[in-house]
Amino acid sequence: MRYEIRIDGQMSETLSGAFPELRNFLVTDETVLFGPVTDEAHLYGLLARFQALGLHVVEMRRLPE
């Protein structure tokens, strides 16, 4: 499975480093992370990391294979 996750604001390189399995790029007022998510546990782990780092998830969607 591949996911795209949009975060409110622009993440620093340090914060982006907390998600080494995901690539990222910046758009106006958002950081877009994307990449493979192996299973549901991985997805919930990502969400827990976002929450622990105080990041606000604006949108999350599964990308077509």
PDB file of N, CA and C in Angstrom:
ATOM      1  N   MET A   1       0.841  -1.175   0.000  1.00  0.00           N
ATOM      2  CA  MET A   1       0.000   0.000   0.000  1.00  0.00           C
ATOM      3  C   MET A   1       0.886   1.238   0.000  1.00  0.00           C
ATOM      4  N   ARG A   2       0.455   2.239  -0.710  1.00  0.00           N
ATOM      5  CA  ARG A   2       1.148   3.534  -0.706  1.00  0.00           C
ATOM      6  C   ARG A   2       0.166   4.586  -0.201  1.00  0.00           C
ATOM      7  N   TYR A   3       0.677   5.517   0.597  1.00  0.00           N
ATOM      8  CA  TYR A   3      -0.161   6.566   1.162  1.00  0.00           C
ATOM      9  C   TYR A   3       0.435   7.937   0.880  1.00  0.00           C
ATOM     10  N   GLU A   4      -0.447   8.923   0.833  1.00  0.00           N
ATOM     11  CA  GLU A   4      -0.062  10.335   0.802  1.00  0.00           C
ATOM     12  C   GLU A   4      -0.651  10.960   2.050  1.00  0.00           C
ATOM     13  N   ILE A   5       0.185  11.659   2.796  1.00  0.00           N
ATOM     14  CA  ILE A   5      -0.234  12.274   4.052  1.00  0.00           C
ATOM     15  C   ILE A   5       0.160  13.744   4.006  1.00  0.00           C
ATOM     16  N   ARG A   6      -0.823  14.605   4.205  1.00  0.00           N
ATOM     17  CA  ARG A   6      -0.570  16.053   4.190  1.00  0.00           C
ATOM     18  C   ARG A   6      -0.574  16.586   5.617  1.00  0.00           C
ATOM     19  N   ILE A   7       0.492  17.316   5.934  1.00  0.00           N
ATOM     20  CA  ILE A   7       0.700  17.887   7.262  1.00  0.00           C
ATOM     21  C   ILE A   7       0.569  19.403   7.176  1.00  0.00           C
ATOM     22  N   ASP A   8      -0.115  19.990   8.138  1.00  0.00           N
ATOM     23  CA  ASP A   8      -0.258  21.441   8.186  1.00  0.00           C
ATOM     24  C   ASP A   8       1.096  22.074   8.480  1.00  0.00           C
ATOM     25  N   GLY A   9       1.492  23.028   7.652  1.00  0.00           N
ATOM     26  CA  GLY A   9       2.758  23.736   7.837  1.00  0.00           C
ATOM     27  C   GLY A   9       3.910  23.053   7.127  1.00  0.00           C
ATOM     28  N   GLN A  10       5.056  23.681   7.226  1.00  0.00           N
ATOM     29  CA  GLN A  10       6.254  23.151   6.582  1.00  0.00           C
ATOM     30  C   GLN A  10       7.136  22.495   7.640  1.00  0.00           C
ATOM     31  N   MET A  11       7.375  21.207   7.461  1.00  0.00           N
ATOM     32  CA  MET A  11       8.197  20.460   8.406  1.00  0.00           C
ATOM     33  C   MET A  11       9.675  20.773   8.171  1.00  0.00           C
ATOM     34  N   SER A  12      10.411  20.860   9.248  1.00  0.00           N
ATOM     35  CA  SER A  12      11.860  21.055   9.147  1.00  0.00           C
ATOM     36  C   SER A  12      12.511  19.741   8.697  1.00  0.00           C
ATOM     37  N   GLU A  13      13.776  19.821   8.321  1.00  0.00           N
ATOM     38  CA  GLU A  13      14.511  18.612   7.941  1.00  0.00           C
ATOM     39  C   GLU A  13      14.609  17.656   9.123  1.00  0.00           C
ATOM     40  N   THR A  14      14.726  18.195  10.328  1.00  0.00           N
ATOM     41  CA  THR A  14      14.802  17.365  11.528  1.00  0.00           C
ATOM     42  C   THR A  14      13.514  16.577  11.714  1.00  0.00           C
ATOM     43  N   LEU A  15      12.370  17.256  11.589  1.00  0.00           N
ATOM     44  CA  LEU A  15      11.089  16.553  11.707  1.00  0.00           C
ATOM     45  C   LEU A  15      10.899  15.552  10.579  1.00  0.00           C
ATOM     46  N   SER A  16      11.270  15.914   9.389  1.00  0.00           N
ATOM     47  CA  SER A  16      11.155  14.995   8.252  1.00  0.00           C
ATOM     48  C   SER A  16      11.988  13.740   8.488  1.00  0.00           C
ATOM     49  N   GLY A  17      13.102  13.903   9.187  1.00  0.00           N
ATOM     50  CA  GLY A  17      13.967  12.771   9.503  1.00  0.00           C
ATOM     51  C   GLY A  17      13.318  11.749  10.424  1.00  0.00           C
ATOM     52  N   ALA A  18      12.238  12.134  11.098  1.00  0.00           N
ATOM     53  CA  ALA A  18      11.515  11.204  11.966  1.00  0.00           C
ATOM     54  C   ALA A  18      10.684  10.211  11.155  1.00  0.00           C
ATOM     55  N   PHE A  19      10.629  10.422   9.838  1.00  0.00           N
ATOM     56  CA  PHE A  19       9.849   9.557   8.955  1.00  0.00           C
ATOM     57  C   PHE A  19      10.730   9.096   7.787  1.00  0.00           C
ATOM     58  N   PRO A  20      11.782   8.312   8.083  1.00  0.00           N
ATOM     59  CA  PRO A  20      12.737   7.945   7.027  1.00  0.00           C
ATOM     60  C   PRO A  20      12.133   7.074   5.930  1.00  0.00           C
ATOM     61  N   GLU A  21      11.020   6.410   6.220  1.00  0.00           N
ATOM     62  CA  GLU A  21      10.401   5.546   5.226  1.00  0.00           C
ATOM     63  C   GLU A  21       9.550   6.307   4.215  1.00  0.00           C
ATOM     64  N   LEU A  22       9.359   7.609   4.452  1.00  0.00           N
ATOM     65  CA  LEU A  22       8.516   8.415   3.581  1.00  0.00           C
ATOM     66  C   LEU A  22       9.320   9.523   2.910  1.00  0.00           C
ATOM     67  N   ARG A  23       8.998   9.804   1.674  1.00  0.00           N
ATOM     68  CA  ARG A  23       9.569  10.961   0.970  1.00  0.00           C
ATOM     69  C   ARG A  23       8.661  12.146   1.258  1.00  0.00           C
ATOM     70  N   ASN A  24       9.180  13.349   1.030  1.00  0.00           N
ATOM     71  CA  ASN A  24       8.341  14.516   1.287  1.00  0.00           C
ATOM     72  C   ASN A  24       8.686  15.649   0.334  1.00  0.00           C
ATOM     73  N   PHE A  25       7.705  16.538   0.175  1.00  0.00           N
ATOM     74  CA  PHE A  25       7.926  17.782  -0.555  1.00  0.00           C
ATOM     75  C   PHE A  25       6.986  18.826   0.024  1.00  0.00           C
ATOM     76  N   LEU A  26       7.307  20.071  -0.233  1.00  0.00           N
ATOM     77  CA  LEU A  26       6.534  21.182   0.310  1.00  0.00           C
ATOM     78  C   LEU A  26       5.620  21.766  -0.750  1.00  0.00           C
ATOM     79  N   VAL A  27       4.413  22.094  -0.338  1.00  0.00           N
ATOM     80  CA  VAL A  27       3.487  22.884  -1.142  1.00  0.00           C
ATOM     81  C   VAL A  27       3.053  24.031  -0.239  1.00  0.00           C
ATOM     82  N   THR A  28       2.334  24.952  -0.766  1.00  0.00           N
ATOM     83  CA  THR A  28       1.946  26.127   0.020  1.00  0.00           C
ATOM     84  C   THR A  28       1.331  25.720   1.352  1.00  0.00           C
ATOM     85  N   ASP A  29       1.991  26.071   2.430  1.00  0.00           N
ATOM     86  CA  ASP A  29       1.520  25.852   3.801  1.00  0.00           C
ATOM     87  C   ASP A  29       1.289  24.389   4.184  1.00  0.00           C
ATOM     88  N   GLU A  30       1.828  23.461   3.433  1.00  0.00           N
ATOM     89  CA  GLU A  30       1.686  22.045   3.774  1.00  0.00           C
ATOM     90  C   GLU A  30       2.960  21.282   3.403  1.00  0.00           C
ATOM     91  N   THR A  31       3.186  20.207   4.150  1.00  0.00           N
ATOM     92  CA  THR A  31       4.209  19.240   3.792  1.00  0.00           C
ATOM     93  C   THR A  31       3.488  17.974   3.365  1.00  0.00           C
ATOM     94  N   VAL A  32       3.862  17.438   2.222  1.00  0.00           N
ATOM     95  CA  VAL A  32       3.260  16.213   1.714  1.00  0.00           C
ATOM     96  C   VAL A  32       4.266  15.089   1.872  1.00  0.00           C
ATOM     97  N   LEU A  33       3.878  14.069   2.617  1.00  0.00           N
ATOM     98  CA  LEU A  33       4.687  12.871   2.796  1.00  0.00           C
ATOM     99  C   LEU A  33       4.029  11.757   2.000  1.00  0.00           C
ATOM    100  N   PHE A  34       4.834  10.900   1.384  1.00  0.00           N
ATOM    101  CA  PHE A  34       4.256   9.792   0.636  1.00  0.00           C
ATOM    102  C   PHE A  34       5.227   8.625   0.607  1.00  0.00           C
ATOM    103  N   GLY A  35       4.650   7.449   0.484  1.00  0.00           N
ATOM    104  CA  GLY A  35       5.482   6.262   0.405  1.00  0.00           C
ATOM    105  C   GLY A  35       4.739   5.029   0.844  1.00  0.00           C
ATOM    106  N   PRO A  36       5.472   3.917   0.945  1.00  0.00           N
ATOM    107  CA  PRO A  36       4.840   2.646   1.284  1.00  0.00           C
ATOM    108  C   PRO A  36       4.474   2.565   2.766  1.00  0.00           C
ATOM    109  N   VAL A  37       3.333   1.974   3.016  1.00  0.00           N
ATOM    110  CA  VAL A  37       2.898   1.648   4.371  1.00  0.00           C
ATOM    111  C   VAL A  37       2.631   0.147   4.350  1.00  0.00           C
ATOM    112  N   THR A  38       3.366  -0.603   5.150  1.00  0.00           N
ATOM    113  CA  THR A  38       3.351  -2.054   5.032  1.00  0.00           C
ATOM    114  C   THR A  38       2.058  -2.707   5.513  1.00  0.00           C
ATOM    115  N   ASP A  39       1.481  -2.162   6.579  1.00  0.00           N
ATOM    116  CA  ASP A  39       0.255  -2.758   7.109  1.00  0.00           C
ATOM    117  C   ASP A  39      -0.425  -1.761   8.044  1.00  0.00           C
ATOM    118  N   GLU A  40      -1.528  -2.195   8.649  1.00  0.00           N
ATOM    119  CA  GLU A  40      -2.294  -1.315   9.521  1.00  0.00           C
ATOM    120  C   GLU A  40      -1.490  -0.883  10.744  1.00  0.00           C
ATOM    121  N   ALA A  41      -0.689  -1.762  11.282  1.00  0.00           N
ATOM    122  CA  ALA A  41       0.139  -1.412  12.445  1.00  0.00           C
ATOM    123  C   ALA A  41       1.132  -0.302  12.084  1.00  0.00           C
ATOM    124  N   HIS A  42       1.717  -0.369  10.903  1.00  0.00           N
ATOM    125  CA  HIS A  42       2.635   0.668  10.438  1.00  0.00           C
ATOM    126  C   HIS A  42       1.904   2.002  10.315  1.00  0.00           C
ATOM    127  N   LEU A  43       0.696   1.964   9.762  1.00  0.00           N
ATOM    128  CA  LEU A  43      -0.101   3.180   9.604  1.00  0.00           C
ATOM    129  C   LEU A  43      -0.394   3.825  10.959  1.00  0.00           C
ATOM    130  N   TYR A  44      -0.836   3.015  11.928  1.00  0.00           N
ATOM    131  CA  TYR A  44      -1.109   3.554  13.262  1.00  0.00           C
ATOM    132  C   TYR A  44       0.164   4.050  13.937  1.00  0.00           C
ATOM    133  N   GLY A  45       1.287   3.411  13.659  1.00  0.00           N
ATOM    134  CA  GLY A  45       2.561   3.882  14.188  1.00  0.00           C
ATOM    135  C   GLY A  45       2.932   5.253  13.638  1.00  0.00           C
ATOM    136  N   LEU A  46       2.688   5.456  12.343  1.00  0.00           N
ATOM    137  CA  LEU A  46       2.929   6.774  11.740  1.00  0.00           C
ATOM    138  C   LEU A  46       2.054   7.832  12.399  1.00  0.00           C
ATOM    139  N   LEU A  47       0.776   7.507  12.561  1.00  0.00           N
ATOM    140  CA  LEU A  47      -0.150   8.461  13.192  1.00  0.00           C
ATOM    141  C   LEU A  47       0.296   8.794  14.612  1.00  0.00           C
ATOM    142  N   ALA A  48       0.776   7.806  15.340  1.00  0.00           N
ATOM    143  CA  ALA A  48       1.264   8.049  16.703  1.00  0.00           C
ATOM    144  C   ALA A  48       2.480   8.973  16.696  1.00  0.00           C
ATOM    145  N   ARG A  49       3.381   8.785  15.712  1.00  0.00           N
ATOM    146  CA  ARG A  49       4.543   9.678  15.603  1.00  0.00           C
ATOM    147  C   ARG A  49       4.122  11.103  15.294  1.00  0.00           C
ATOM    148  N   PHE A  50       3.153  11.268  14.365  1.00  0.00           N
ATOM    149  CA  PHE A  50       2.659  12.614  14.057  1.00  0.00           C
ATOM    150  C   PHE A  50       2.131  13.273  15.324  1.00  0.00           C
ATOM    151  N   GLN A  51       1.329  12.535  16.082  1.00  0.00           N
ATOM    152  CA  GLN A  51       0.739  13.088  17.301  1.00  0.00           C
ATOM    153  C   GLN A  51       1.815  13.419  18.331  1.00  0.00           C
ATOM    154  N   ALA A  52       2.767  12.518  18.514  1.00  0.00           N
ATOM    155  CA  ALA A  52       3.826  12.744  19.506  1.00  0.00           C
ATOM    156  C   ALA A  52       4.670  13.970  19.171  1.00  0.00           C
ATOM    157  N   LEU A  53       4.814  14.262  17.878  1.00  0.00           N
ATOM    158  CA  LEU A  53       5.606  15.416  17.448  1.00  0.00           C
ATOM    159  C   LEU A  53       4.769  16.680  17.309  1.00  0.00           C
ATOM    160  N   GLY A  54       3.481  16.597  17.636  1.00  0.00           N
ATOM    161  CA  GLY A  54       2.609  17.770  17.584  1.00  0.00           C
ATOM    162  C   GLY A  54       2.263  18.203  16.175  1.00  0.00           C
ATOM    163  N   LEU A  55       2.289  17.269  15.223  1.00  0.00           N
ATOM    164  CA  LEU A  55       1.983  17.600  13.830  1.00  0.00           C
ATOM    165  C   LEU A  55       0.505  17.362  13.553  1.00  0.00           C
ATOM    166  N   HIS A  56      -0.097  18.258  12.796  1.00  0.00           N
ATOM    167  CA  HIS A  56      -1.522  18.172  12.470  1.00  0.00           C
ATOM    168  C   HIS A  56      -1.697  17.573  11.083  1.00  0.00           C
ATOM    169  N   VAL A  57      -2.308  16.389  11.028  1.00  0.00           N
ATOM    170  CA  VAL A  57      -2.584  15.730   9.751  1.00  0.00           C
ATOM    171  C   VAL A  57      -3.830  16.372   9.140  1.00  0.00           C
ATOM    172  N   VAL A  58      -3.658  16.949   7.955  1.00  0.00           N
ATOM    173  CA  VAL A  58      -4.743  17.609   7.248  1.00  0.00           C
ATOM    174  C   VAL A  58      -5.524  16.603   6.417  1.00  0.00           C
ATOM    175  N   GLU A  59      -4.784  15.705   5.750  1.00  0.00           N
ATOM    176  CA  GLU A  59      -5.420  14.727   4.876  1.00  0.00           C
ATOM    177  C   GLU A  59      -4.522  13.504   4.753  1.00  0.00           C
ATOM    178  N   MET A  60      -5.159  12.354   4.670  1.00  0.00           N
ATOM    179  CA  MET A  60      -4.417  11.114   4.462  1.00  0.00           C
ATOM    180  C   MET A  60      -5.236  10.275   3.479  1.00  0.00           C
ATOM    181  N   ARG A  61      -4.548   9.741   2.463  1.00  0.00           N
ATOM    182  CA  ARG A  61      -5.281   8.906   1.515  1.00  0.00           C
ATOM    183  C   ARG A  61      -4.379   7.828   0.962  1.00  0.00           C
ATOM    184  N   ARG A  62      -5.020   6.713   0.655  1.00  0.00           N
ATOM    185  CA  ARG A  62      -4.317   5.601   0.044  1.00  0.00           C
ATOM    186  C   ARG A  62      -4.223   5.871  -1.451  1.00  0.00           C
ATOM    187  N   LEU A  63      -3.028   5.690  -1.997  1.00  0.00           N
ATOM    188  CA  LEU A  63      -2.796   5.922  -3.416  1.00  0.00           C
ATOM    189  C   LEU A  63      -3.048   4.644  -4.198  1.00  0.00           C
ATOM    190  N   PRO A  64      -3.473   4.776  -5.444  1.00  0.00           N
ATOM    191  CA  PRO A  64      -3.671   3.574  -6.261  1.00  0.00           C
ATOM    192  C   PRO A  64      -2.345   2.853  -6.481  1.00  0.00           C
ATOM    193  N   GLU A  65      -2.427   1.555  -6.603  1.00  0.00           N
ATOM    194  CA  GLU A  65      -1.228   0.733  -6.824  1.00  0.00           C
ATOM    195  C   GLU A  65      -0.712   0.885  -8.220  1.00  0.00           C
TER     196      GLU A  65
END
